[in-house]
Amino acid sequence: MIYIDDTDTQWSLGQTVRLTFNNNVNLTSRNVRIFTDASGRLNTGDYGKTIANITGSELSTRPIIELICTEQGILNFVYDIIK
């Protein structure tokens, strides 16, 4: 699980965050879930918004993942696996 702390900022339409890994990861049998809304603005609790659920089989050993905000008010995102 990855938690993105957005306490000091608000996501805006088209805003992109890129996740990279310095070391090799072996995630073939696990999913990577990414959460945001650290302060619970959407009334779903702290980090209550899942913005991506990526299966390990989609990822390389050193993935680069881009998360793009498509709807800022409700924190909808799409993701793209660059590598």
PDB file of N, CA and C in Angstrom:
ATOM      1  N   MET A   1       0.835  -1.171   0.000  1.00  0.00           N
ATOM      2  CA  MET A   1       0.000   0.000   0.000  1.00  0.00           C
ATOM      3  C   MET A   1       0.883   1.239   0.000  1.00  0.00           C
ATOM      4  N   ILE A   2       0.429   2.231  -0.746  1.00  0.00           N
ATOM      5  CA  ILE A   2       1.134   3.503  -0.830  1.00  0.00           C
ATOM      6  C   ILE A   2       0.136   4.598  -0.445  1.00  0.00           C
ATOM      7  N   TYR A   3       0.554   5.480   0.437  1.00  0.00           N
ATOM      8  CA  TYR A   3      -0.289   6.578   0.895  1.00  0.00           C
ATOM      9  C   TYR A   3       0.320   7.898   0.437  1.00  0.00           C
ATOM     10  N   ILE A   4      -0.471   8.703  -0.271  1.00  0.00           N
ATOM     11  CA  ILE A   4      -0.008  10.009  -0.741  1.00  0.00           C
ATOM     12  C   ILE A   4      -0.647  11.080   0.138  1.00  0.00           C
ATOM     13  N   ASP A   5       0.186  11.801   0.870  1.00  0.00           N
ATOM     14  CA  ASP A   5      -0.284  12.823   1.797  1.00  0.00           C
ATOM     15  C   ASP A   5      -0.591  14.109   1.031  1.00  0.00           C
ATOM     16  N   ASP A   6      -1.869  14.431   0.947  1.00  0.00           N
ATOM     17  CA  ASP A   6      -2.300  15.645   0.247  1.00  0.00           C
ATOM     18  C   ASP A   6      -2.828  16.699   1.223  1.00  0.00           C
ATOM     19  N   THR A   7      -2.359  16.647   2.452  1.00  0.00           N
ATOM     20  CA  THR A   7      -2.833  17.560   3.486  1.00  0.00           C
ATOM     21  C   THR A   7      -2.596  19.022   3.119  1.00  0.00           C
ATOM     22  N   ASP A   8      -1.424  19.338   2.590  1.00  0.00           N
ATOM     23  CA  ASP A   8      -1.055  20.726   2.327  1.00  0.00           C
ATOM     24  C   ASP A   8      -1.372  21.190   0.911  1.00  0.00           C
ATOM     25  N   THR A   9      -2.029  20.371   0.135  1.00  0.00           N
ATOM     26  CA  THR A   9      -2.349  20.737  -1.244  1.00  0.00           C
ATOM     27  C   THR A   9      -3.686  20.139  -1.633  1.00  0.00           C
ATOM     28  N   GLN A  10      -4.284  20.672  -2.653  1.00  0.00           N
ATOM     29  CA  GLN A  10      -5.521  20.120  -3.203  1.00  0.00           C
ATOM     30  C   GLN A  10      -5.222  19.614  -4.600  1.00  0.00           C
ATOM     31  N   TRP A  11      -5.685  18.422  -4.909  1.00  0.00           N
ATOM     32  CA  TRP A  11      -5.492  17.889  -6.258  1.00  0.00           C
ATOM     33  C   TRP A  11      -6.255  18.742  -7.254  1.00  0.00           C
ATOM     34  N   SER A  12      -5.658  18.978  -8.415  1.00  0.00           N
ATOM     35  CA  SER A  12      -6.341  19.728  -9.464  1.00  0.00           C
ATOM     36  C   SER A  12      -6.396  18.891 -10.740  1.00  0.00           C
ATOM     37  N   LEU A  13      -7.319  19.220 -11.589  1.00  0.00           N
ATOM     38  CA  LEU A  13      -7.537  18.497 -12.838  1.00  0.00           C
ATOM     39  C   LEU A  13      -6.251  18.451 -13.657  1.00  0.00           C
ATOM     40  N   GLY A  14      -5.847  17.263 -14.055  1.00  0.00           N
ATOM     41  CA  GLY A  14      -4.652  17.091 -14.862  1.00  0.00           C
ATOM     42  C   GLY A  14      -3.356  16.986 -14.070  1.00  0.00           C
ATOM     43  N   GLN A  15      -3.419  17.238 -12.779  1.00  0.00           N
ATOM     44  CA  GLN A  15      -2.212  17.131 -11.965  1.00  0.00           C
ATOM     45  C   GLN A  15      -1.717  15.688 -11.984  1.00  0.00           C
ATOM     46  N   THR A  16      -0.416  15.528 -12.113  1.00  0.00           N
ATOM     47  CA  THR A  16       0.184  14.207 -12.245  1.00  0.00           C
ATOM     48  C   THR A  16       1.251  14.011 -11.184  1.00  0.00           C
ATOM     49  N   VAL A  17       1.288  12.820 -10.629  1.00  0.00           N
ATOM     50  CA  VAL A  17       2.361  12.441  -9.720  1.00  0.00           C
ATOM     51  C   VAL A  17       2.985  11.171 -10.291  1.00  0.00           C
ATOM     52  N   ARG A  18       4.296  11.121 -10.259  1.00  0.00           N
ATOM     53  CA  ARG A  18       5.034   9.972 -10.799  1.00  0.00           C
ATOM     54  C   ARG A  18       5.693   9.231  -9.640  1.00  0.00           C
ATOM     55  N   LEU A  19       5.455   7.929  -9.591  1.00  0.00           N
ATOM     56  CA  LEU A  19       6.068   7.079  -8.580  1.00  0.00           C
ATOM     57  C   LEU A  19       7.164   6.254  -9.229  1.00  0.00           C
ATOM     58  N   THR A  20       8.344   6.304  -8.624  1.00  0.00           N
ATOM     59  CA  THR A  20       9.471   5.496  -9.098  1.00  0.00           C
ATOM     60  C   THR A  20      10.041   4.733  -7.916  1.00  0.00           C
ATOM     61  N   PHE A  21      10.779   3.684  -8.216  1.00  0.00           N
ATOM     62  CA  PHE A  21      11.357   2.844  -7.182  1.00  0.00           C
ATOM     63  C   PHE A  21      12.857   2.758  -7.402  1.00  0.00           C
ATOM     64  N   ASN A  22      13.641   2.998  -6.359  1.00  0.00           N
ATOM     65  CA  ASN A  22      15.098   2.945  -6.458  1.00  0.00           C
ATOM     66  C   ASN A  22      15.625   1.522  -6.518  1.00  0.00           C
ATOM     67  N   ASN A  23      14.917   0.608  -5.903  1.00  0.00           N
ATOM     68  CA  ASN A  23      15.349  -0.785  -5.829  1.00  0.00           C
ATOM     69  C   ASN A  23      14.370  -1.669  -6.595  1.00  0.00           C
ATOM     70  N   ASN A  24      14.813  -2.836  -6.968  1.00  0.00           N
ATOM     71  CA  ASN A  24      13.930  -3.796  -7.616  1.00  0.00           C
ATOM     72  C   ASN A  24      12.855  -4.244  -6.636  1.00  0.00           C
ATOM     73  N   VAL A  25      11.650  -4.405  -7.147  1.00  0.00           N
ATOM     74  CA  VAL A  25      10.539  -4.904  -6.345  1.00  0.00           C
ATOM     75  C   VAL A  25       9.970  -6.133  -7.027  1.00  0.00           C
ATOM     76  N   ASN A  26       9.514  -7.075  -6.248  1.00  0.00           N
ATOM     77  CA  ASN A  26       8.916  -8.286  -6.775  1.00  0.00           C
ATOM     78  C   ASN A  26       7.463  -8.316  -6.326  1.00  0.00           C
ATOM     79  N   LEU A  27       6.574  -7.878  -7.188  1.00  0.00           N
ATOM     80  CA  LEU A  27       5.163  -7.750  -6.826  1.00  0.00           C
ATOM     81  C   LEU A  27       4.257  -8.650  -7.654  1.00  0.00           C
ATOM     82  N   THR A  28       4.789  -9.650  -8.284  1.00  0.00           N
ATOM     83  CA  THR A  28       3.994 -10.446  -9.217  1.00  0.00           C
ATOM     84  C   THR A  28       2.766 -11.082  -8.576  1.00  0.00           C
ATOM     85  N   SER A  29       2.817 -11.403  -7.301  1.00  0.00           N
ATOM     86  CA  SER A  29       1.674 -12.051  -6.662  1.00  0.00           C
ATOM     87  C   SER A  29       0.882 -11.106  -5.759  1.00  0.00           C
ATOM     88  N   ARG A  30       1.190  -9.818  -5.806  1.00  0.00           N
ATOM     89  CA  ARG A  30       0.509  -8.851  -4.938  1.00  0.00           C
ATOM     90  C   ARG A  30      -0.023  -7.671  -5.757  1.00  0.00           C
ATOM     91  N   ASN A  31      -1.025  -7.027  -5.199  1.00  0.00           N
ATOM     92  CA  ASN A  31      -1.543  -5.805  -5.790  1.00  0.00           C
ATOM     93  C   ASN A  31      -0.936  -4.608  -5.084  1.00  0.00           C
ATOM     94  N   VAL A  32      -0.819  -3.499  -5.796  1.00  0.00           N
ATOM     95  CA  VAL A  32      -0.379  -2.238  -5.217  1.00  0.00           C
ATOM     96  C   VAL A  32      -1.607  -1.343  -5.153  1.00  0.00           C
ATOM     97  N   ARG A  33      -1.974  -0.961  -3.950  1.00  0.00           N
ATOM     98  CA  ARG A  33      -3.108  -0.053  -3.761  1.00  0.00           C
ATOM     99  C   ARG A  33      -2.554   1.296  -3.336  1.00  0.00           C
ATOM    100  N   ILE A  34      -3.061   2.348  -3.966  1.00  0.00           N
ATOM    101  CA  ILE A  34      -2.581   3.705  -3.699  1.00  0.00           C
ATOM    102  C   ILE A  34      -3.756   4.525  -3.177  1.00  0.00           C
ATOM    103  N   PHE A  35      -3.523   5.204  -2.062  1.00  0.00           N
ATOM    104  CA  PHE A  35      -4.565   5.972  -1.386  1.00  0.00           C
ATOM    105  C   PHE A  35      -4.166   7.438  -1.264  1.00  0.00           C
ATOM    106  N   THR A  36      -5.189   8.307  -1.182  1.00  0.00           N
ATOM    107  CA  THR A  36      -4.973   9.722  -0.888  1.00  0.00           C
ATOM    108  C   THR A  36      -6.138  10.212  -0.037  1.00  0.00           C
ATOM    109  N   ASP A  37      -6.279  11.509   0.105  1.00  0.00           N
ATOM    110  CA  ASP A  37      -7.242  12.166   0.982  1.00  0.00           C
ATOM    111  C   ASP A  37      -6.836  11.958   2.441  1.00  0.00           C
ATOM    112  N   ALA A  38      -5.629  12.391   2.747  1.00  0.00           N
ATOM    113  CA  ALA A  38      -5.041  12.186   4.070  1.00  0.00           C
ATOM    114  C   ALA A  38      -5.887  12.754   5.201  1.00  0.00           C
ATOM    115  N   SER A  39      -6.524  13.883   4.980  1.00  0.00           N
ATOM    116  CA  SER A  39      -7.288  14.519   6.059  1.00  0.00           C
ATOM    117  C   SER A  39      -8.774  14.172   6.035  1.00  0.00           C
ATOM    118  N   GLY A  40      -9.191  13.313   5.130  1.00  0.00           N
ATOM    119  CA  GLY A  40     -10.583  12.868   5.096  1.00  0.00           C
ATOM    120  C   GLY A  40     -11.566  13.902   4.609  1.00  0.00           C
ATOM    121  N   ARG A  41     -11.176  14.729   3.647  1.00  0.00           N
ATOM    122  CA  ARG A  41     -12.076  15.768   3.106  1.00  0.00           C
ATOM    123  C   ARG A  41     -13.343  15.187   2.489  1.00  0.00           C
ATOM    124  N   LEU A  42     -13.254  13.962   1.984  1.00  0.00           N
ATOM    125  CA  LEU A  42     -14.411  13.332   1.332  1.00  0.00           C
ATOM    126  C   LEU A  42     -15.283  12.562   2.319  1.00  0.00           C
ATOM    127  N   ASN A  43     -14.988  12.695   3.601  1.00  0.00           N
ATOM    128  CA  ASN A  43     -15.737  12.015   4.665  1.00  0.00           C
ATOM    129  C   ASN A  43     -15.696  10.499   4.552  1.00  0.00           C
ATOM    130  N   THR A  44     -14.556   9.967   4.104  1.00  0.00           N
ATOM    131  CA  THR A  44     -14.370   8.519   4.035  1.00  0.00           C
ATOM    132  C   THR A  44     -13.233   8.085   4.961  1.00  0.00           C
ATOM    133  N   GLY A  45     -12.821   8.961   5.860  1.00  0.00           N
ATOM    134  CA  GLY A  45     -11.737   8.669   6.788  1.00  0.00           C
ATOM    135  C   GLY A  45     -10.398   9.092   6.225  1.00  0.00           C
ATOM    136  N   ASP A  46      -9.402   9.082   7.088  1.00  0.00           N
ATOM    137  CA  ASP A  46      -8.047   9.436   6.666  1.00  0.00           C
ATOM    138  C   ASP A  46      -7.573   8.440   5.622  1.00  0.00           C
ATOM    139  N   TYR A  47      -7.041   8.947   4.548  1.00  0.00           N
ATOM    140  CA  TYR A  47      -6.593   8.133   3.409  1.00  0.00           C
ATOM    141  C   TYR A  47      -7.712   7.206   2.927  1.00  0.00           C
ATOM    142  N   GLY A  48      -8.916   7.739   2.902  1.00  0.00           N
ATOM    143  CA  GLY A  48     -10.082   6.925   2.550  1.00  0.00           C
ATOM    144  C   GLY A  48     -10.373   6.820   1.073  1.00  0.00           C
ATOM    145  N   LYS A  49      -9.575   7.430   0.228  1.00  0.00           N
ATOM    146  CA  LYS A  49      -9.827   7.394  -1.220  1.00  0.00           C
ATOM    147  C   LYS A  49      -8.776   6.532  -1.909  1.00  0.00           C
ATOM    148  N   THR A  50      -9.209   5.414  -2.476  1.00  0.00           N
ATOM    149  CA  THR A  50      -8.327   4.575  -3.278  1.00  0.00           C
ATOM    150  C   THR A  50      -8.253   5.182  -4.673  1.00  0.00           C
ATOM    151  N   ILE A  51      -7.038   5.522  -5.127  1.00  0.00           N
ATOM    152  CA  ILE A  51      -6.918   6.136  -6.449  1.00  0.00           C
ATOM    153  C   ILE A  51      -6.347   5.178  -7.477  1.00  0.00           C
ATOM    154  N   ALA A  52      -5.826   4.027  -7.026  1.00  0.00           N
ATOM    155  CA  ALA A  52      -5.354   3.009  -7.973  1.00  0.00           C
ATOM    156  C   ALA A  52      -5.244   1.674  -7.257  1.00  0.00           C
ATOM    157  N   ASN A  53      -5.554   0.629  -7.984  1.00  0.00           N
ATOM    158  CA  ASN A  53      -5.363  -0.741  -7.515  1.00  0.00           C
ATOM    159  C   ASN A  53      -4.724  -1.484  -8.683  1.00  0.00           C
ATOM    160  N   ILE A  54      -3.432  -1.674  -8.617  1.00  0.00           N
ATOM    161  CA  ILE A  54      -2.658  -2.201  -9.742  1.00  0.00           C
ATOM    162  C   ILE A  54      -2.209  -3.616  -9.405  1.00  0.00           C
ATOM    163  N   THR A  55      -2.477  -4.549 -10.298  1.00  0.00           N
ATOM    164  CA  THR A  55      -2.038  -5.917 -10.053  1.00  0.00           C
ATOM    165  C   THR A  55      -0.537  -6.024 -10.278  1.00  0.00           C
ATOM    166  N   GLY A  56       0.096  -6.860  -9.485  1.00  0.00           N
ATOM    167  CA  GLY A  56       1.534  -7.046  -9.581  1.00  0.00           C
ATOM    168  C   GLY A  56       1.988  -7.520 -10.939  1.00  0.00           C
ATOM    169  N   SER A  57       1.141  -8.265 -11.627  1.00  0.00           N
ATOM    170  CA  SER A  57       1.517  -8.766 -12.952  1.00  0.00           C
ATOM    171  C   SER A  57       1.642  -7.654 -13.993  1.00  0.00           C
ATOM    172  N   GLU A  58       1.090  -6.476 -13.707  1.00  0.00           N
ATOM    173  CA  GLU A  58       1.202  -5.334 -14.615  1.00  0.00           C
ATOM    174  C   GLU A  58       2.540  -4.611 -14.479  1.00  0.00           C
ATOM    175  N   LEU A  59       3.283  -4.908 -13.419  1.00  0.00           N
ATOM    176  CA  LEU A  59       4.457  -4.116 -13.073  1.00  0.00           C
ATOM    177  C   LEU A  59       5.761  -4.838 -13.370  1.00  0.00           C
ATOM    178  N   SER A  60       6.761  -4.063 -13.746  1.00  0.00           N
ATOM    179  CA  SER A  60       8.114  -4.591 -13.920  1.00  0.00           C
ATOM    180  C   SER A  60       8.808  -4.589 -12.552  1.00  0.00           C
ATOM    181  N   THR A  61      10.062  -4.981 -12.512  1.00  0.00           N
ATOM    182  CA  THR A  61      10.783  -4.999 -11.240  1.00  0.00           C
ATOM    183  C   THR A  61      11.171  -3.603 -10.763  1.00  0.00           C
ATOM    184  N   ARG A  62      11.204  -2.611 -11.662  1.00  0.00           N
ATOM    185  CA  ARG A  62      11.450  -1.212 -11.292  1.00  0.00           C
ATOM    186  C   ARG A  62      10.443  -0.329 -12.019  1.00  0.00           C
ATOM    187  N   PRO A  63       9.188  -0.396 -11.600  1.00  0.00           N
ATOM    188  CA  PRO A  63       8.140   0.307 -12.336  1.00  0.00           C
ATOM    189  C   PRO A  63       8.201   1.824 -12.178  1.00  0.00           C
ATOM    190  N   ILE A  64       7.641   2.488 -13.171  1.00  0.00           N
ATOM    191  CA  ILE A  64       7.373   3.923 -13.112  1.00  0.00           C
ATOM    192  C   ILE A  64       5.873   4.059 -13.341  1.00  0.00           C
ATOM    193  N   ILE A  65       5.195   4.626 -12.372  1.00  0.00           N
ATOM    194  CA  ILE A  65       3.736   4.739 -12.416  1.00  0.00           C
ATOM    195  C   ILE A  65       3.359   6.211 -12.381  1.00  0.00           C
ATOM    196  N   GLU A  66       2.511   6.625 -13.304  1.00  0.00           N
ATOM    197  CA  GLU A  66       1.982   7.992 -13.282  1.00  0.00           C
ATOM    198  C   GLU A  66       0.516   7.948 -12.889  1.00  0.00           C
ATOM    199  N   LEU A  67       0.154   8.815 -11.959  1.00  0.00           N
ATOM    200  CA  LEU A  67      -1.232   8.964 -11.523  1.00  0.00           C
ATOM    201  C   LEU A  67      -1.702  10.337 -11.968  1.00  0.00           C
ATOM    202  N   ILE A  68      -2.829  10.380 -12.688  1.00  0.00           N
ATOM    203  CA  ILE A  68      -3.332  11.634 -13.243  1.00  0.00           C
ATOM    204  C   ILE A  68      -4.723  11.897 -12.694  1.00  0.00           C
ATOM    205  N   CYS A  69      -4.913  13.074 -12.108  1.00  0.00           N
ATOM    206  CA  CYS A  69      -6.212  13.456 -11.559  1.00  0.00           C
ATOM    207  C   CYS A  69      -7.160  13.823 -12.695  1.00  0.00           C
ATOM    208  N   THR A  70      -8.307  13.150 -12.749  1.00  0.00           N
ATOM    209  CA  THR A  70      -9.290  13.415 -13.803  1.00  0.00           C
ATOM    210  C   THR A  70     -10.507  14.177 -13.288  1.00  0.00           C
ATOM    211  N   GLU A  71     -10.731  14.154 -11.982  1.00  0.00           N
ATOM    212  CA  GLU A  71     -11.824  14.914 -11.371  1.00  0.00           C
ATOM    213  C   GLU A  71     -11.369  15.351  -9.987  1.00  0.00           C
ATOM    214  N   GLN A  72     -11.095  16.645  -9.850  1.00  0.00           N
ATOM    215  CA  GLN A  72     -10.483  17.120  -8.618  1.00  0.00           C
ATOM    216  C   GLN A  72     -11.412  17.104  -7.416  1.00  0.00           C
ATOM    217  N   GLY A  73     -12.673  17.397  -7.568  1.00  0.00           N
ATOM    218  CA  GLY A  73     -13.579  17.473  -6.421  1.00  0.00           C
ATOM    219  C   GLY A  73     -13.837  16.140  -5.759  1.00  0.00           C
ATOM    220  N   ILE A  74     -13.820  15.066  -6.549  1.00  0.00           N
ATOM    221  CA  ILE A  74     -14.090  13.743  -5.984  1.00  0.00           C
ATOM    222  C   ILE A  74     -12.881  12.817  -6.070  1.00  0.00           C
ATOM    223  N   LEU A  75     -11.763  13.377  -6.482  1.00  0.00           N
ATOM    224  CA  LEU A  75     -10.474  12.677  -6.510  1.00  0.00           C
ATOM    225  C   LEU A  75     -10.500  11.398  -7.335  1.00  0.00           C
ATOM    226  N   ASN A  76     -10.953  11.506  -8.557  1.00  0.00           N
ATOM    227  CA  ASN A  76     -10.845  10.383  -9.486  1.00  0.00           C
ATOM    228  C   ASN A  76      -9.524  10.489 -10.225  1.00  0.00           C
ATOM    229  N   PHE A  77      -8.896   9.350 -10.434  1.00  0.00           N
ATOM    230  CA  PHE A  77      -7.584   9.286 -11.069  1.00  0.00           C
ATOM    231  C   PHE A  77      -7.554   8.164 -12.094  1.00  0.00           C
ATOM    232  N   VAL A  78      -6.661   8.286 -13.036  1.00  0.00           N
ATOM    233  CA  VAL A  78      -6.281   7.186 -13.910  1.00  0.00           C
ATOM    234  C   VAL A  78      -4.787   6.983 -13.700  1.00  0.00           C
ATOM    235  N   TYR A  79      -4.312   5.801 -14.033  1.00  0.00           N
ATOM    236  CA  TYR A  79      -2.877   5.560 -13.920  1.00  0.00           C
ATOM    237  C   TYR A  79      -2.324   5.033 -15.219  1.00  0.00           C
ATOM    238  N   ASP A  80      -1.045   5.276 -15.407  1.00  0.00           N
ATOM    239  CA  ASP A  80      -0.330   4.796 -16.575  1.00  0.00           C
ATOM    240  C   ASP A  80       0.971   4.202 -16.085  1.00  0.00           C
ATOM    241  N   ILE A  81       1.264   3.007 -16.561  1.00  0.00           N
ATOM    242  CA  ILE A  81       2.523   2.357 -16.193  1.00  0.00           C
ATOM    243  C   ILE A  81       3.498   2.617 -17.318  1.00  0.00           C
ATOM    244  N   ILE A  82       4.497   3.450 -17.033  1.00  0.00           N
ATOM    245  CA  ILE A  82       5.472   3.858 -18.049  1.00  0.00           C
ATOM    246  C   ILE A  82       6.474   2.739 -18.315  1.00  0.00           C
ATOM    247  N   LYS A  83       6.853   2.037 -17.289  1.00  0.00           N
ATOM    248  CA  LYS A  83       7.865   0.987 -17.417  1.00  0.00           C
ATOM    249  C   LYS A  83       7.517  -0.170 -16.511  1.00  0.00           C
TER     250      LYS A  83
END
